[in-house]
Amino acid sequence: MNQARDLLFLYTETPLHAGVGFDPDAAVDLPIQRDETTGYPIIFSSTLKGSFRSLARAKRVDEEIEAAVFGALPEQVEEADAREEESEKGKSPFPAALSIGDAQLLLFPVRSLLGVFVWATSAQAFARFLRTAHRVGVGQEIPQIPAPPPGIAWVAPQSPVITEKKELVLEEFTFRAREQRAMTHLGQWLADTAFPLDESFDYWVQKMTSHFIVLPDEVFQFFVTTRTMITHRIRIDPETGVVQEGALWSEEYVPPEALFYTPVEVQAPDKPIEGLESAEEVFGWFRTLLDDVVQVGAGRTLGRGLLRVRWAGEEVDEAEEEEESVA
């Protein structure tokens, strides 16, 4: 086959800082990556690809395989340029077989008066998700979510996050809760399709159907732009034991329990390698490369940026394997 594709879900287990570097004009010294139009947190495709490439190197993947999957490095291009008979000047001798999109935000945790927190999304964010999911062949059976009117939040019937007055209290804001039967179905689909296939997530999978809410677009935008984590860091002078002069800065993080998604598409490599000759073989290799947990962004030694990985088609693949074993 010439092409393989799937949707990759990334669930934040620890705070995530996929940053853009120091910004003297921002309210925080080291802000996170955001969509230029909506302001939603995102993870740039270059950040993801670099993290996955680092994982391949940590696992000592052969350089030829790395180049075929992730693309040639600058020094490899220079070497090829020196051999003009093997490569056109300035053209990569190993174009990447792997294509990864920006990871978009789908669910954002918001503190709740009841139930501790909810997973919030909006009609706009969900419509973006469906547009991407349909392109890679996922979620065709899932309908669009209508946008709630101002001051209203869609919730699942009999959700434990609703007060006796049929209100939803998120931080200092109160919304009228409108029960929608479709919310239970959507929450269950996300729990079954996007949450990690691990027994440690059974508790969270069960809570998803009742703690999944849809907010008006502007409200969701407000929460994702103003309710991220801000931490302050200092550097201690080892000789004096006090903070070094000027060594105080702030960092922004996406909080734990957020859910991102990104489309992953694979082409057959231009330079086939034994065992990696088709798109399906490359895609299978890449899925094997990724562990259940990957580290993305800054703060590796602080335990930051640990993301749980789940492929949308993973459950389908396992079901097919069981059928084949029975046959």
Protein backbone atom coordinates (compact mmCIF):
# COMPACT_ATOMS: atom_id res chain seq x y z
CA MET A 1 0.00 0.00 0.00
CA ASN A 2 1.17 3.56 -0.75
CA GLN A 3 -0.38 5.24 2.28
CA ALA A 4 -1.43 4.44 5.87
CA ARG A 5 -3.08 6.79 8.35
CA ASP A 6 -4.61 6.91 11.81
CA LEU A 7 -5.41 9.34 14.61
CA LEU A 8 -3.06 9.52 17.58
CA PHE A 9 -4.45 10.64 20.96
CA LEU A 10 -2.11 12.15 23.57
CA TYR A 11 -3.35 12.32 27.18
CA THR A 12 -1.36 14.52 29.58
CA GLU A 13 -0.43 12.58 32.70
CA THR A 14 1.90 15.31 33.96
CA PRO A 15 2.06 19.05 33.17
CA LEU A 16 3.13 19.70 29.58
CA HIS A 17 5.35 22.56 28.43
CA ALA A 18 5.69 22.57 24.67
CA GLY A 19 7.10 26.07 24.49
CA VAL A 20 8.03 28.81 22.05
CA GLY A 21 11.01 30.15 23.97
CA PHE A 22 11.38 33.37 25.94
CA ASP A 23 8.77 36.02 25.12
CA PRO A 24 9.47 39.45 26.66
CA ASP A 25 6.00 40.70 25.70
CA ALA A 26 4.02 37.83 27.27
CA ALA A 27 2.61 37.72 30.80
CA VAL A 28 4.71 34.60 31.39
CA ASP A 29 8.40 34.33 30.50
CA LEU A 30 8.12 30.93 28.79
CA PRO A 31 4.64 30.54 27.24
CA ILE A 32 3.30 27.39 25.62
CA GLN A 33 2.56 26.87 21.94
CA ARG A 34 -0.88 28.11 20.90
CA ASP A 35 -3.06 28.27 17.82
CA GLU A 36 -2.63 31.74 16.34
CA THR A 37 -6.36 32.16 15.62
CA THR A 38 -8.17 30.53 18.54
CA GLY A 39 -5.55 30.75 21.26
CA TYR A 40 -6.04 27.04 22.03
CA PRO A 41 -2.95 25.21 23.32
CA ILE A 42 -1.39 23.01 20.64
CA ILE A 43 1.76 20.93 20.19
CA PHE A 44 3.59 21.84 17.00
CA SER A 45 4.22 18.96 14.63
CA SER A 46 7.92 19.79 14.69
CA THR A 47 7.94 19.34 18.48
CA LEU A 48 6.22 15.96 18.23
CA LYS A 49 8.41 14.75 15.40
CA GLY A 50 11.56 15.84 17.22
CA SER A 51 10.45 14.05 20.40
CA PHE A 52 9.67 10.86 18.50
CA ARG A 53 12.99 11.06 16.67
CA SER A 54 14.78 11.44 20.01
CA LEU A 55 12.96 8.33 21.19
CA ALA A 56 14.22 6.45 18.13
CA ARG A 57 17.77 7.51 18.90
CA ALA A 58 17.40 6.52 22.56
CA LYS A 59 16.39 3.07 21.32
CA ARG A 60 19.45 3.05 19.03
CA VAL A 61 17.50 2.78 15.80
CA ASP A 62 19.68 2.33 12.71
CA GLU A 63 20.54 5.71 11.11
CA GLU A 64 19.32 4.56 7.70
CA ILE A 65 15.91 3.62 9.15
CA GLU A 66 15.74 6.90 11.06
CA ALA A 67 16.44 8.87 7.88
CA ALA A 68 13.86 6.93 5.88
CA VAL A 69 11.11 7.43 8.48
CA PHE A 70 11.85 10.89 9.87
CA GLY A 71 13.78 12.44 6.98
CA ALA A 72 17.45 13.19 6.39
CA LEU A 73 19.45 15.31 8.79
CA PRO A 74 21.21 18.48 7.50
CA GLU A 75 24.59 16.75 7.52
CA GLN A 76 23.18 13.90 5.43
CA VAL A 77 21.86 16.42 2.90
CA GLU A 78 25.29 18.08 2.74
CA GLU A 79 26.96 14.72 2.15
CA ALA A 80 24.50 13.99 -0.64
CA ASP A 81 25.08 17.43 -2.18
CA ALA A 82 28.76 16.59 -2.35
CA ARG A 83 27.79 13.59 -4.48
CA GLU A 84 25.70 15.31 -7.15
CA GLU A 85 25.38 12.10 -9.12
CA GLU A 86 23.34 10.62 -6.23
CA SER A 87 21.18 13.59 -5.34
CA GLU A 88 20.06 16.84 -6.89
CA LYS A 89 21.63 19.88 -5.29
CA GLY A 90 19.69 20.97 -2.20
CA LYS A 91 17.24 18.06 -2.36
CA SER A 92 16.94 15.69 0.60
CA PRO A 93 18.17 12.21 -0.30
CA PHE A 94 15.78 10.74 2.27
CA PRO A 95 12.41 12.56 2.33
CA ALA A 96 10.44 11.56 5.42
CA ALA A 97 7.91 8.76 5.04
CA LEU A 98 6.22 9.93 8.26
CA SER A 99 3.89 12.95 8.37
CA ILE A 100 2.62 14.24 11.72
CA GLY A 101 0.21 17.15 12.11
CA ASP A 102 -0.02 19.68 14.94
CA ALA A 103 -1.62 18.13 18.02
CA GLN A 104 -4.90 19.96 18.64
CA LEU A 105 -6.69 20.26 21.98
CA LEU A 106 -9.96 18.35 22.37
CA LEU A 107 -10.59 18.08 26.12
CA PHE A 108 -9.45 20.49 28.83
CA PRO A 109 -9.83 19.85 32.60
CA VAL A 110 -11.75 22.52 34.50
CA ARG A 111 -12.28 22.56 38.28
CA SER A 112 -15.85 21.79 39.30
CA LEU A 113 -17.75 22.38 42.54
CA LEU A 114 -18.98 18.79 42.30
CA GLY A 115 -16.94 15.91 40.92
CA VAL A 116 -13.58 17.72 41.41
CA PHE A 117 -13.14 18.46 37.69
CA VAL A 118 -14.81 17.97 34.31
CA TRP A 119 -13.48 17.37 30.82
CA ALA A 120 -14.65 20.36 28.81
CA THR A 121 -14.83 20.96 25.09
CA SER A 122 -16.83 23.22 22.77
CA ALA A 123 -18.80 22.76 19.58
CA GLN A 124 -16.03 24.48 17.63
CA ALA A 125 -13.23 22.38 19.13
CA PHE A 126 -15.23 19.19 18.59
CA ALA A 127 -16.06 20.16 14.99
CA ARG A 128 -12.34 20.64 14.34
CA PHE A 129 -11.70 17.22 15.80
CA LEU A 130 -14.33 15.55 13.61
CA ARG A 131 -12.95 17.26 10.51
CA THR A 132 -9.52 15.79 11.17
CA ALA A 133 -10.86 12.42 12.33
CA HIS A 134 -12.98 11.96 9.20
CA ARG A 135 -9.98 12.72 7.01
CA VAL A 136 -8.12 9.73 8.45
CA GLY A 137 -11.21 7.50 8.52
CA VAL A 138 -12.19 7.77 12.19
CA GLY A 139 -15.49 8.68 13.86
CA GLN A 140 -17.82 8.82 10.84
CA GLU A 141 -20.63 7.60 13.09
CA ILE A 142 -20.23 10.53 15.51
CA PRO A 143 -22.59 13.51 14.91
CA GLN A 144 -21.67 17.17 15.19
CA ILE A 145 -22.34 18.85 18.55
CA PRO A 146 -24.58 21.94 18.43
CA ALA A 147 -23.22 24.95 20.29
CA PRO A 148 -24.93 25.62 23.65
CA PRO A 149 -26.64 29.02 24.05
CA PRO A 150 -24.86 31.60 26.25
CA GLY A 151 -24.88 30.61 29.91
CA ILE A 152 -25.78 26.99 29.10
CA ALA A 153 -23.63 23.85 29.31
CA TRP A 154 -24.48 20.47 27.80
CA VAL A 155 -24.11 17.62 30.32
CA ALA A 156 -24.94 13.94 30.46
CA PRO A 157 -28.26 12.95 32.11
CA GLN A 158 -27.99 12.47 35.89
CA SER A 159 -24.41 13.67 35.89
CA PRO A 160 -22.97 13.94 39.43
CA VAL A 161 -21.43 17.32 38.59
CA ILE A 162 -24.89 18.98 38.46
CA THR A 163 -26.24 20.66 41.58
CA GLU A 164 -29.78 20.21 42.90
CA LYS A 165 -30.66 23.48 41.16
CA LYS A 166 -29.60 21.98 37.82
CA GLU A 167 -26.51 24.17 37.71
CA LEU A 168 -22.92 23.49 36.81
CA VAL A 169 -20.38 25.43 38.87
CA LEU A 170 -16.93 25.67 37.29
CA GLU A 171 -14.45 27.61 39.38
CA GLU A 172 -16.25 30.94 40.06
CA PHE A 173 -18.69 30.61 37.15
CA THR A 174 -22.18 29.13 37.18
CA PHE A 175 -23.94 27.68 34.14
CA ARG A 176 -27.40 26.29 33.66
CA ALA A 177 -26.98 22.58 32.99
CA ARG A 178 -29.00 21.09 30.14
CA GLU A 179 -29.04 17.32 30.05
CA GLN A 180 -28.48 15.77 26.61
CA ARG A 181 -28.72 12.01 26.05
CA ALA A 182 -26.16 12.29 23.24
CA MET A 183 -23.55 13.40 25.79
CA THR A 184 -23.48 9.94 27.36
CA HIS A 185 -22.91 8.36 23.96
CA LEU A 186 -20.18 10.84 23.01
CA GLY A 187 -18.47 10.47 26.37
CA GLN A 188 -18.51 6.69 26.04
CA TRP A 189 -17.11 6.87 22.50
CA LEU A 190 -14.23 9.08 23.67
CA ALA A 191 -13.57 6.80 26.64
CA ASP A 192 -13.48 3.74 24.39
CA THR A 193 -11.54 5.34 21.53
CA ALA A 194 -9.25 8.01 22.98
CA PHE A 195 -8.39 6.97 26.52
CA PRO A 196 -5.39 4.65 27.06
CA LEU A 197 -5.97 0.90 27.01
CA ASP A 198 -4.57 0.33 30.47
CA GLU A 199 -6.22 -1.00 33.62
CA SER A 200 -4.92 2.02 35.52
CA PHE A 201 -7.31 4.15 33.42
CA ASP A 202 -10.45 2.14 34.24
CA TYR A 203 -11.47 4.70 36.87
CA TRP A 204 -11.10 7.59 34.43
CA VAL A 205 -12.90 5.73 31.64
CA GLN A 206 -15.89 5.23 33.94
CA LYS A 207 -15.94 8.90 34.94
CA MET A 208 -15.69 10.14 31.36
CA THR A 209 -19.32 9.45 30.44
CA SER A 210 -20.64 11.53 33.37
CA HIS A 211 -17.94 14.22 33.58
CA PHE A 212 -17.86 15.21 29.91
CA ILE A 213 -19.37 18.64 29.18
CA VAL A 214 -19.73 21.04 26.26
CA LEU A 215 -19.36 24.78 26.90
CA PRO A 216 -20.15 27.75 24.65
CA ASP A 217 -17.23 28.45 22.32
CA GLU A 218 -16.22 31.72 23.97
CA VAL A 219 -16.32 30.19 27.46
CA PHE A 220 -14.15 27.26 26.43
CA GLN A 221 -11.71 29.69 24.82
CA PHE A 222 -11.62 31.67 28.08
CA PHE A 223 -10.73 28.63 30.17
CA VAL A 224 -8.00 27.31 27.85
CA THR A 225 -6.36 30.75 27.59
CA THR A 226 -6.54 31.76 31.27
CA ARG A 227 -6.57 28.53 33.30
CA THR A 228 -3.31 26.88 32.34
CA MET A 229 -0.67 26.20 35.01
CA ILE A 230 1.90 28.93 35.74
CA THR A 231 4.94 27.90 37.76
CA HIS A 232 7.85 30.04 38.94
CA ARG A 233 11.39 28.71 38.82
CA ILE A 234 14.59 29.88 40.46
CA ARG A 235 18.25 28.95 40.22
CA ILE A 236 20.25 28.54 43.44
CA ASP A 237 23.88 29.64 43.59
CA PRO A 238 25.71 26.51 44.85
CA GLU A 239 28.31 28.61 46.62
CA THR A 240 26.00 30.97 48.51
CA GLY A 241 22.88 28.80 48.76
CA VAL A 242 20.62 31.68 47.71
CA VAL A 243 18.90 32.60 44.48
CA GLN A 244 21.26 33.82 41.78
CA GLU A 245 20.65 37.40 40.71
CA GLY A 246 18.21 37.53 37.80
CA ALA A 247 17.61 33.75 37.92
CA LEU A 248 13.86 33.90 38.41
CA TRP A 249 11.46 33.02 35.62
CA SER A 250 7.94 31.73 35.04
CA GLU A 251 6.77 28.83 32.86
CA GLU A 252 3.35 27.93 31.45
CA TYR A 253 2.04 24.37 31.34
CA VAL A 254 -0.99 22.53 30.01
CA PRO A 255 -2.39 20.79 33.12
CA PRO A 256 -2.70 17.02 33.55
CA GLU A 257 -5.89 15.32 32.27
CA ALA A 258 -6.00 17.24 28.97
CA LEU A 259 -6.47 15.36 25.70
CA PHE A 260 -4.81 16.19 22.39
CA TYR A 261 -5.07 14.49 19.01
CA THR A 262 -2.96 14.54 15.87
CA PRO A 263 -3.27 12.91 12.44
CA VAL A 264 -0.42 10.58 11.47
CA GLU A 265 0.05 9.65 7.83
CA VAL A 266 2.74 7.47 6.30
CA GLN A 267 3.89 7.14 2.71
CA ALA A 268 5.94 4.31 1.25
CA PRO A 269 9.60 5.36 1.63
CA ASP A 270 11.36 6.69 -1.48
CA LYS A 271 14.33 4.54 -0.56
CA PRO A 272 12.89 1.19 0.59
CA ILE A 273 14.68 -0.69 3.34
CA GLU A 274 14.27 -4.38 4.01
CA GLY A 275 11.19 -4.71 6.20
CA LEU A 276 10.16 -1.09 5.53
CA GLU A 277 9.14 -1.19 1.90
CA SER A 278 5.44 -0.28 2.13
CA ALA A 279 3.51 2.39 4.00
CA GLU A 280 1.90 -0.29 6.17
CA GLU A 281 5.28 -1.66 7.18
CA VAL A 282 6.58 1.80 8.08
CA PHE A 283 3.41 2.58 10.00
CA GLY A 284 3.66 -0.70 11.92
CA TRP A 285 7.29 0.08 12.76
CA PHE A 286 6.37 3.53 14.03
CA ARG A 287 3.56 2.22 16.23
CA THR A 288 5.99 -0.27 17.71
CA LEU A 289 8.49 2.51 18.34
CA LEU A 290 6.10 4.52 20.51
CA ASP A 291 5.78 3.33 24.09
CA ASP A 292 2.56 3.60 26.08
CA VAL A 293 4.06 6.76 27.59
CA VAL A 294 6.16 9.30 25.68
CA GLN A 295 7.87 12.47 26.88
CA VAL A 296 7.28 15.69 24.96
CA GLY A 297 8.47 19.20 25.66
CA ALA A 298 10.59 20.62 28.46
CA GLY A 299 11.13 19.42 32.01
CA ARG A 300 12.24 15.86 31.27
CA THR A 301 14.26 15.60 34.51
CA LEU A 302 11.30 17.05 36.46
CA GLY A 303 8.89 14.41 35.17
CA ARG A 304 7.03 16.89 33.00
CA GLY A 305 5.49 16.24 29.60
CA LEU A 306 4.58 12.57 30.12
CA LEU A 307 1.85 11.73 27.62
CA ARG A 308 -0.19 8.54 27.35
CA VAL A 309 -0.46 7.32 23.77
CA ARG A 310 -3.55 5.78 22.18
CA TRP A 311 -4.25 5.05 18.52
CA ALA A 312 -7.86 5.48 17.45
CA GLY A 313 -7.65 2.27 15.42
CA GLU A 314 -5.93 0.27 18.17
CA GLU A 315 -9.04 -1.48 19.48
CA VAL A 316 -10.15 -2.39 15.94
CA ASP A 317 -6.75 -3.91 15.19
CA GLU A 318 -6.88 -6.03 18.35
CA ALA A 319 -10.36 -7.29 17.49
CA GLU A 320 -9.17 -8.29 14.03
CA GLU A 321 -6.22 -10.18 15.52
CA GLU A 322 -8.57 -12.09 17.84
CA GLU A 323 -10.78 -13.06 14.89
CA GLU A 324 -7.75 -14.27 12.94
CA SER A 325 -6.52 -16.35 15.88
CA VAL A 326 -9.97 -17.99 16.23
CA ALA A 327 -10.05 -18.74 12.49
